[in-house]
Amino acid sequence: MRRLLRFSAVLTLIALVLMMWSMFDPRPAPVLIGLSLGQVLGTASFAIYLSIVIWDIRRRRREASTPEDRASLSKLR
């Protein structure tokens, strides 16, 4: 999971660099490449990050749902 998280961070940085490139070089080609490819890479990195967060939340809930935890939760109800 850490490898995917690092990959997501690298994709985010590449996307930001591409978007900044389009700001400093306002010709049509860098703008189209920077914003289109930057958006694709940024969206992909966010999707990877979100999937890791969801996976981690599910894992922690599974680990916390031991029989003792369930018994203590049922006493509270």
PDB file of N, CA and C in Angstrom:
ATOM      1  N   MET A   1       0.804  -1.194   0.000  1.00  0.00           N
ATOM      2  CA  MET A   1       0.000   0.000   0.000  1.00  0.00           C
ATOM      3  C   MET A   1       0.857   1.273   0.000  1.00  0.00           C
ATOM      4  N   ARG A   2       1.981   1.219   0.682  1.00  0.00           N
ATOM      5  CA  ARG A   2       2.843   2.411   0.698  1.00  0.00           C
ATOM      6  C   ARG A   2       3.382   2.718  -0.686  1.00  0.00           C
ATOM      7  N   ARG A   3       3.624   1.685  -1.460  1.00  0.00           N
ATOM      8  CA  ARG A   3       4.133   1.887  -2.816  1.00  0.00           C
ATOM      9  C   ARG A   3       3.071   2.611  -3.660  1.00  0.00           C
ATOM     10  N   LEU A   4       1.815   2.198  -3.510  1.00  0.00           N
ATOM     11  CA  LEU A   4       0.730   2.871  -4.233  1.00  0.00           C
ATOM     12  C   LEU A   4       0.559   4.307  -3.759  1.00  0.00           C
ATOM     13  N   LEU A   5       0.708   4.508  -2.467  1.00  0.00           N
ATOM     14  CA  LEU A   5       0.579   5.864  -1.929  1.00  0.00           C
ATOM     15  C   LEU A   5       1.690   6.771  -2.457  1.00  0.00           C
ATOM     16  N   ARG A   6       2.895   6.256  -2.535  1.00  0.00           N
ATOM     17  CA  ARG A   6       3.999   7.035  -3.118  1.00  0.00           C
ATOM     18  C   ARG A   6       3.759   7.299  -4.595  1.00  0.00           C
ATOM     19  N   PHE A   7       3.263   6.305  -5.306  1.00  0.00           N
ATOM     20  CA  PHE A   7       2.953   6.470  -6.716  1.00  0.00           C
ATOM     21  C   PHE A   7       1.893   7.554  -6.909  1.00  0.00           C
ATOM     22  N   SER A   8       0.897   7.569  -6.035  1.00  0.00           N
ATOM     23  CA  SER A   8      -0.135   8.597  -6.083  1.00  0.00           C
ATOM     24  C   SER A   8       0.453   9.986  -5.846  1.00  0.00           C
ATOM     25  N   ALA A   9       1.376  10.095  -4.904  1.00  0.00           N
ATOM     26  CA  ALA A   9       2.015  11.388  -4.631  1.00  0.00           C
ATOM     27  C   ALA A   9       2.850  11.855  -5.814  1.00  0.00           C
ATOM     28  N   VAL A  10       3.561  10.933  -6.446  1.00  0.00           N
ATOM     29  CA  VAL A  10       4.372  11.297  -7.618  1.00  0.00           C
ATOM     30  C   VAL A  10       3.474  11.741  -8.772  1.00  0.00           C
ATOM     31  N   LEU A  11       2.369  11.024  -8.990  1.00  0.00           N
ATOM     32  CA  LEU A  11       1.425  11.442 -10.030  1.00  0.00           C
ATOM     33  C   LEU A  11       0.872  12.831  -9.758  1.00  0.00           C
ATOM     34  N   THR A  12       0.586  13.120  -8.503  1.00  0.00           N
ATOM     35  CA  THR A  12       0.078  14.442  -8.142  1.00  0.00           C
ATOM     36  C   THR A  12       1.106  15.522  -8.464  1.00  0.00           C
ATOM     37  N   LEU A  13       2.347  15.271  -8.118  1.00  0.00           N
ATOM     38  CA  LEU A  13       3.395  16.265  -8.400  1.00  0.00           C
ATOM     39  C   LEU A  13       3.597  16.469  -9.900  1.00  0.00           C
ATOM     40  N   ILE A  14       3.548  15.384 -10.662  1.00  0.00           N
ATOM     41  CA  ILE A  14       3.680  15.511 -12.115  1.00  0.00           C
ATOM     42  C   ILE A  14       2.514  16.315 -12.686  1.00  0.00           C
ATOM     43  N   ALA A  15       1.313  16.046 -12.200  1.00  0.00           N
ATOM     44  CA  ALA A  15       0.140  16.784 -12.665  1.00  0.00           C
ATOM     45  C   ALA A  15       0.275  18.277 -12.340  1.00  0.00           C
ATOM     46  N   LEU A  16       0.753  18.587 -11.158  1.00  0.00           N
ATOM     47  CA  LEU A  16       0.934  19.990 -10.790  1.00  0.00           C
ATOM     48  C   LEU A  16       1.979  20.678 -11.661  1.00  0.00           C
ATOM     49  N   VAL A  17       3.058  19.967 -11.957  1.00  0.00           N
ATOM     50  CA  VAL A  17       4.095  20.530 -12.819  1.00  0.00           C
ATOM     51  C   VAL A  17       3.536  20.808 -14.215  1.00  0.00           C
ATOM     52  N   LEU A  18       2.763  19.882 -14.738  1.00  0.00           N
ATOM     53  CA  LEU A  18       2.170  20.088 -16.060  1.00  0.00           C
ATOM     54  C   LEU A  18       1.224  21.284 -16.073  1.00  0.00           C
ATOM     55  N   MET A  19       0.439  21.419 -15.025  1.00  0.00           N
ATOM     56  CA  MET A  19      -0.486  22.552 -14.960  1.00  0.00           C
ATOM     57  C   MET A  19       0.264  23.873 -14.806  1.00  0.00           C
ATOM     58  N   MET A  20       1.334  23.867 -14.045  1.00  0.00           N
ATOM     59  CA  MET A  20       2.139  25.086 -13.899  1.00  0.00           C
ATOM     60  C   MET A  20       2.845  25.442 -15.202  1.00  0.00           C
ATOM     61  N   TRP A  21       3.275  24.422 -15.945  1.00  0.00           N
ATOM     62  CA  TRP A  21       3.916  24.652 -17.232  1.00  0.00           C
ATOM     63  C   TRP A  21       2.982  25.426 -18.155  1.00  0.00           C
ATOM     64  N   SER A  22       1.703  25.080 -18.126  1.00  0.00           N
ATOM     65  CA  SER A  22       0.748  25.775 -18.993  1.00  0.00           C
ATOM     66  C   SER A  22       0.545  27.223 -18.552  1.00  0.00           C
ATOM     67  N   MET A  23       0.811  27.514 -17.306  1.00  0.00           N
ATOM     68  CA  MET A  23       0.684  28.904 -16.842  1.00  0.00           C
ATOM     69  C   MET A  23       1.886  29.749 -17.272  1.00  0.00           C
ATOM     70  N   PHE A  24       3.067  29.152 -17.278  1.00  0.00           N
ATOM     71  CA  PHE A  24       4.272  29.902 -17.620  1.00  0.00           C
ATOM     72  C   PHE A  24       4.546  29.955 -19.124  1.00  0.00           C
ATOM     73  N   ASP A  25       3.962  29.039 -19.876  1.00  0.00           N
ATOM     74  CA  ASP A  25       4.122  29.016 -21.325  1.00  0.00           C
ATOM     75  C   ASP A  25       2.725  28.975 -21.939  1.00  0.00           C
ATOM     76  N   PRO A  26       2.100  30.144 -22.138  1.00  0.00           N
ATOM     77  CA  PRO A  26       0.676  30.178 -22.505  1.00  0.00           C
ATOM     78  C   PRO A  26       0.371  29.900 -23.982  1.00  0.00           C
ATOM     79  N   ARG A  27       1.264  29.260 -24.693  1.00  0.00           N
ATOM     80  CA  ARG A  27       0.943  28.875 -26.063  1.00  0.00           C
ATOM     81  C   ARG A  27      -0.107  27.761 -26.048  1.00  0.00           C
ATOM     82  N   PRO A  28      -0.821  27.551 -27.158  1.00  0.00           N
ATOM     83  CA  PRO A  28      -1.912  26.549 -27.153  1.00  0.00           C
ATOM     84  C   PRO A  28      -1.468  25.122 -26.824  1.00  0.00           C
ATOM     85  N   ALA A  29      -0.354  24.667 -27.371  1.00  0.00           N
ATOM     86  CA  ALA A  29       0.056  23.275 -27.135  1.00  0.00           C
ATOM     87  C   ALA A  29       0.352  22.989 -25.659  1.00  0.00           C
ATOM     88  N   PRO A  30       1.185  23.806 -24.983  1.00  0.00           N
ATOM     89  CA  PRO A  30       1.411  23.520 -23.558  1.00  0.00           C
ATOM     90  C   PRO A  30       0.143  23.629 -22.707  1.00  0.00           C
ATOM     91  N   VAL A  31      -0.730  24.543 -23.065  1.00  0.00           N
ATOM     92  CA  VAL A  31      -1.975  24.683 -22.300  1.00  0.00           C
ATOM     93  C   VAL A  31      -2.834  23.434 -22.463  1.00  0.00           C
ATOM     94  N   LEU A  32      -3.010  22.976 -23.697  1.00  0.00           N
ATOM     95  CA  LEU A  32      -3.823  21.774 -23.919  1.00  0.00           C
ATOM     96  C   LEU A  32      -3.193  20.542 -23.284  1.00  0.00           C
ATOM     97  N   ILE A  33      -1.899  20.373 -23.470  1.00  0.00           N
ATOM     98  CA  ILE A  33      -1.214  19.209 -22.897  1.00  0.00           C
ATOM     99  C   ILE A  33      -1.204  19.303 -21.371  1.00  0.00           C
ATOM    100  N   GLY A  34      -0.851  20.469 -20.869  1.00  0.00           N
ATOM    101  CA  GLY A  34      -0.747  20.631 -19.423  1.00  0.00           C
ATOM    102  C   GLY A  34      -2.061  20.422 -18.703  1.00  0.00           C
ATOM    103  N   LEU A  35      -3.113  21.017 -19.222  1.00  0.00           N
ATOM    104  CA  LEU A  35      -4.383  20.900 -18.516  1.00  0.00           C
ATOM    105  C   LEU A  35      -5.057  19.550 -18.745  1.00  0.00           C
ATOM    106  N   SER A  36      -4.977  19.015 -19.945  1.00  0.00           N
ATOM    107  CA  SER A  36      -5.611  17.714 -20.213  1.00  0.00           C
ATOM    108  C   SER A  36      -4.878  16.583 -19.497  1.00  0.00           C
ATOM    109  N   LEU A  37      -3.589  16.482 -19.742  1.00  0.00           N
ATOM    110  CA  LEU A  37      -2.814  15.420 -19.113  1.00  0.00           C
ATOM    111  C   LEU A  37      -2.711  15.635 -17.601  1.00  0.00           C
ATOM    112  N   GLY A  38      -2.617  16.894 -17.187  1.00  0.00           N
ATOM    113  CA  GLY A  38      -2.581  17.195 -15.757  1.00  0.00           C
ATOM    114  C   GLY A  38      -3.845  16.762 -15.051  1.00  0.00           C
ATOM    115  N   GLN A  39      -4.985  16.963 -15.716  1.00  0.00           N
ATOM    116  CA  GLN A  39      -6.253  16.552 -15.105  1.00  0.00           C
ATOM    117  C   GLN A  39      -6.352  15.033 -15.028  1.00  0.00           C
ATOM    118  N   VAL A  40      -5.927  14.345 -16.074  1.00  0.00           N
ATOM    119  CA  VAL A  40      -5.969  12.882 -16.067  1.00  0.00           C
ATOM    120  C   VAL A  40      -5.084  12.327 -14.949  1.00  0.00           C
ATOM    121  N   LEU A  41      -3.858  12.837 -14.859  1.00  0.00           N
ATOM    122  CA  LEU A  41      -2.939  12.342 -13.826  1.00  0.00           C
ATOM    123  C   LEU A  41      -3.428  12.718 -12.425  1.00  0.00           C
ATOM    124  N   GLY A  42      -3.954  13.925 -12.264  1.00  0.00           N
ATOM    125  CA  GLY A  42      -4.464  14.336 -10.966  1.00  0.00           C
ATOM    126  C   GLY A  42      -5.663  13.513 -10.527  1.00  0.00           C
ATOM    127  N   THR A  43      -6.557  13.231 -11.462  1.00  0.00           N
ATOM    128  CA  THR A  43      -7.728  12.412 -11.144  1.00  0.00           C
ATOM    129  C   THR A  43      -7.316  10.983 -10.814  1.00  0.00           C
ATOM    130  N   ALA A  44      -6.363  10.452 -11.557  1.00  0.00           N
ATOM    131  CA  ALA A  44      -5.887   9.097 -11.280  1.00  0.00           C
ATOM    132  C   ALA A  44      -5.222   9.016  -9.908  1.00  0.00           C
ATOM    133  N   SER A  45      -4.426  10.028  -9.578  1.00  0.00           N
ATOM    134  CA  SER A  45      -3.760  10.004  -8.269  1.00  0.00           C
ATOM    135  C   SER A  45      -4.773  10.132  -7.140  1.00  0.00           C
ATOM    136  N   PHE A  46      -5.809  10.925  -7.335  1.00  0.00           N
ATOM    137  CA  PHE A  46      -6.847  11.045  -6.307  1.00  0.00           C
ATOM    138  C   PHE A  46      -7.612   9.737  -6.153  1.00  0.00           C
ATOM    139  N   ALA A  47      -7.902   9.065  -7.264  1.00  0.00           N
ATOM    140  CA  ALA A  47      -8.606   7.784  -7.195  1.00  0.00           C
ATOM    141  C   ALA A  47      -7.771   6.743  -6.458  1.00  0.00           C
ATOM    142  N   ILE A  48      -6.476   6.712  -6.717  1.00  0.00           N
ATOM    143  CA  ILE A  48      -5.593   5.786  -6.010  1.00  0.00           C
ATOM    144  C   ILE A  48      -5.580   6.095  -4.521  1.00  0.00           C
ATOM    145  N   TYR A  49      -5.445   7.383  -4.184  1.00  0.00           N
ATOM    146  CA  TYR A  49      -5.413   7.794  -2.779  1.00  0.00           C
ATOM    147  C   TYR A  49      -6.730   7.435  -2.078  1.00  0.00           C
ATOM    148  N   LEU A  50      -7.852   7.704  -2.737  1.00  0.00           N
ATOM    149  CA  LEU A  50      -9.153   7.417  -2.146  1.00  0.00           C
ATOM    150  C   LEU A  50      -9.342   5.921  -1.929  1.00  0.00           C
ATOM    151  N   SER A  51      -8.894   5.101  -2.873  1.00  0.00           N
ATOM    152  CA  SER A  51      -9.024   3.654  -2.694  1.00  0.00           C
ATOM    153  C   SER A  51      -8.175   3.159  -1.530  1.00  0.00           C
ATOM    154  N   ILE A  52      -7.012   3.748  -1.329  1.00  0.00           N
ATOM    155  CA  ILE A  52      -6.159   3.368  -0.193  1.00  0.00           C
ATOM    156  C   ILE A  52      -6.818   3.764   1.116  1.00  0.00           C
ATOM    157  N   VAL A  53      -7.417   4.940   1.175  1.00  0.00           N
ATOM    158  CA  VAL A  53      -8.099   5.383   2.399  1.00  0.00           C
ATOM    159  C   VAL A  53      -9.272   4.461   2.715  1.00  0.00           C
ATOM    160  N   ILE A  54     -10.069   4.124   1.715  1.00  0.00           N
ATOM    161  CA  ILE A  54     -11.215   3.234   1.932  1.00  0.00           C
ATOM    162  C   ILE A  54     -10.740   1.859   2.379  1.00  0.00           C
ATOM    163  N   TRP A  55      -9.681   1.344   1.756  1.00  0.00           N
ATOM    164  CA  TRP A  55      -9.142   0.051   2.139  1.00  0.00           C
ATOM    165  C   TRP A  55      -8.669   0.065   3.588  1.00  0.00           C
ATOM    166  N   ASP A  56      -8.007   1.152   3.994  1.00  0.00           N
ATOM    167  CA  ASP A  56      -7.487   1.244   5.357  1.00  0.00           C
ATOM    168  C   ASP A  56      -8.624   1.342   6.379  1.00  0.00           C
ATOM    169  N   ILE A  57      -9.666   2.085   6.060  1.00  0.00           N
ATOM    170  CA  ILE A  57     -10.810   2.188   6.974  1.00  0.00           C
ATOM    171  C   ILE A  57     -11.468   0.823   7.151  1.00  0.00           C
ATOM    172  N   ARG A  58     -11.660   0.107   6.062  1.00  0.00           N
ATOM    173  CA  ARG A  58     -12.267  -1.233   6.153  1.00  0.00           C
ATOM    174  C   ARG A  58     -11.392  -2.186   6.964  1.00  0.00           C
ATOM    175  N   ARG A  59     -10.084  -2.118   6.742  1.00  0.00           N
ATOM    176  CA  ARG A  59      -9.170  -2.991   7.477  1.00  0.00           C
ATOM    177  C   ARG A  59      -9.229  -2.712   8.970  1.00  0.00           C
ATOM    178  N   ARG A  60      -9.245  -1.430   9.327  1.00  0.00           N
ATOM    179  CA  ARG A  60      -9.295  -1.086  10.761  1.00  0.00           C
ATOM    180  C   ARG A  60     -10.610  -1.508  11.398  1.00  0.00           C
ATOM    181  N   ARG A  61     -11.702  -1.396  10.662  1.00  0.00           N
ATOM    182  CA  ARG A  61     -12.987  -1.850  11.204  1.00  0.00           C
ATOM    183  C   ARG A  61     -13.000  -3.356  11.402  1.00  0.00           C
ATOM    184  N   ARG A  62     -12.399  -4.079  10.446  1.00  0.00           N
ATOM    185  CA  ARG A  62     -12.332  -5.531  10.578  1.00  0.00           C
ATOM    186  C   ARG A  62     -11.507  -5.935  11.781  1.00  0.00           C
ATOM    187  N   GLU A  63     -10.386  -5.251  11.993  1.00  0.00           N
ATOM    188  CA  GLU A  63      -9.531  -5.568  13.136  1.00  0.00           C
ATOM    189  C   GLU A  63     -10.208  -5.217  14.455  1.00  0.00           C
ATOM    190  N   ALA A  64     -11.031  -4.183  14.447  1.00  0.00           N
ATOM    191  CA  ALA A  64     -11.702  -3.762  15.684  1.00  0.00           C
ATOM    192  C   ALA A  64     -12.941  -4.595  15.974  1.00  0.00           C
ATOM    193  N   SER A  65     -13.372  -5.370  15.019  1.00  0.00           N
ATOM    194  CA  SER A  65     -14.603  -6.132  15.239  1.00  0.00           C
ATOM    195  C   SER A  65     -14.297  -7.540  15.753  1.00  0.00           C
ATOM    196  N   THR A  66     -13.559  -7.611  16.835  1.00  0.00           N
ATOM    197  CA  THR A  66     -13.305  -8.892  17.497  1.00  0.00           C
ATOM    198  C   THR A  66     -14.538  -9.266  18.311  1.00  0.00           C
ATOM    199  N   PRO A  67     -14.666 -10.505  18.725  1.00  0.00           N
ATOM    200  CA  PRO A  67     -15.841 -10.910  19.519  1.00  0.00           C
ATOM    201  C   PRO A  67     -16.005 -10.091  20.801  1.00  0.00           C
ATOM    202  N   GLU A  68     -14.897  -9.708  21.431  1.00  0.00           N
ATOM    203  CA  GLU A  68     -15.002  -8.914  22.661  1.00  0.00           C
ATOM    204  C   GLU A  68     -15.588  -7.532  22.356  1.00  0.00           C
ATOM    205  N   ASP A  69     -15.155  -6.958  21.238  1.00  0.00           N
ATOM    206  CA  ASP A  69     -15.679  -5.643  20.866  1.00  0.00           C
ATOM    207  C   ASP A  69     -17.178  -5.728  20.566  1.00  0.00           C
ATOM    208  N   ARG A  70     -17.576  -6.782  19.878  1.00  0.00           N
ATOM    209  CA  ARG A  70     -18.995  -6.941  19.574  1.00  0.00           C
ATOM    210  C   ARG A  70     -19.814  -7.133  20.846  1.00  0.00           C
ATOM    211  N   ALA A  71     -19.268  -7.863  21.805  1.00  0.00           N
ATOM    212  CA  ALA A  71     -19.996  -8.085  23.060  1.00  0.00           C
ATOM    213  C   ALA A  71     -20.144  -6.779  23.838  1.00  0.00           C
ATOM    214  N   SER A  72     -19.090  -5.971  23.852  1.00  0.00           N
ATOM    215  CA  SER A  72     -19.185  -4.703  24.566  1.00  0.00           C
ATOM    216  C   SER A  72     -20.131  -3.733  23.858  1.00  0.00           C
ATOM    217  N   LEU A  73     -20.193  -3.799  22.530  1.00  0.00           N
ATOM    218  CA  LEU A  73     -21.134  -2.943  21.807  1.00  0.00           C
ATOM    219  C   LEU A  73     -22.574  -3.366  22.049  1.00  0.00           C
ATOM    220  N   SER A  74     -22.821  -4.686  22.146  1.00  0.00           N
ATOM    221  CA  SER A  74     -24.184  -5.138  22.370  1.00  0.00           C
ATOM    222  C   SER A  74     -24.662  -4.778  23.780  1.00  0.00           C
ATOM    223  N   LYS A  75     -23.759  -4.659  24.755  1.00  0.00           N
ATOM    224  CA  LYS A  75     -24.142  -4.241  26.105  1.00  0.00           C
ATOM    225  C   LYS A  75     -24.571  -2.782  26.142  1.00  0.00           C
ATOM    226  N   LEU A  76     -23.999  -1.984  25.264  1.00  0.00           N
ATOM    227  CA  LEU A  76     -24.336  -0.560  25.231  1.00  0.00           C
ATOM    228  C   LEU A  76     -25.709  -0.298  24.640  1.00  0.00           C
ATOM    229  N   ARG A  77     -26.206  -1.210  23.846  1.00  0.00           N
ATOM    230  CA  ARG A  77     -27.504  -1.026  23.200  1.00  0.00           C
ATOM    231  C   ARG A  77     -28.566  -1.353  24.145  1.00  0.00           C
TER     232      ARG A  77
END
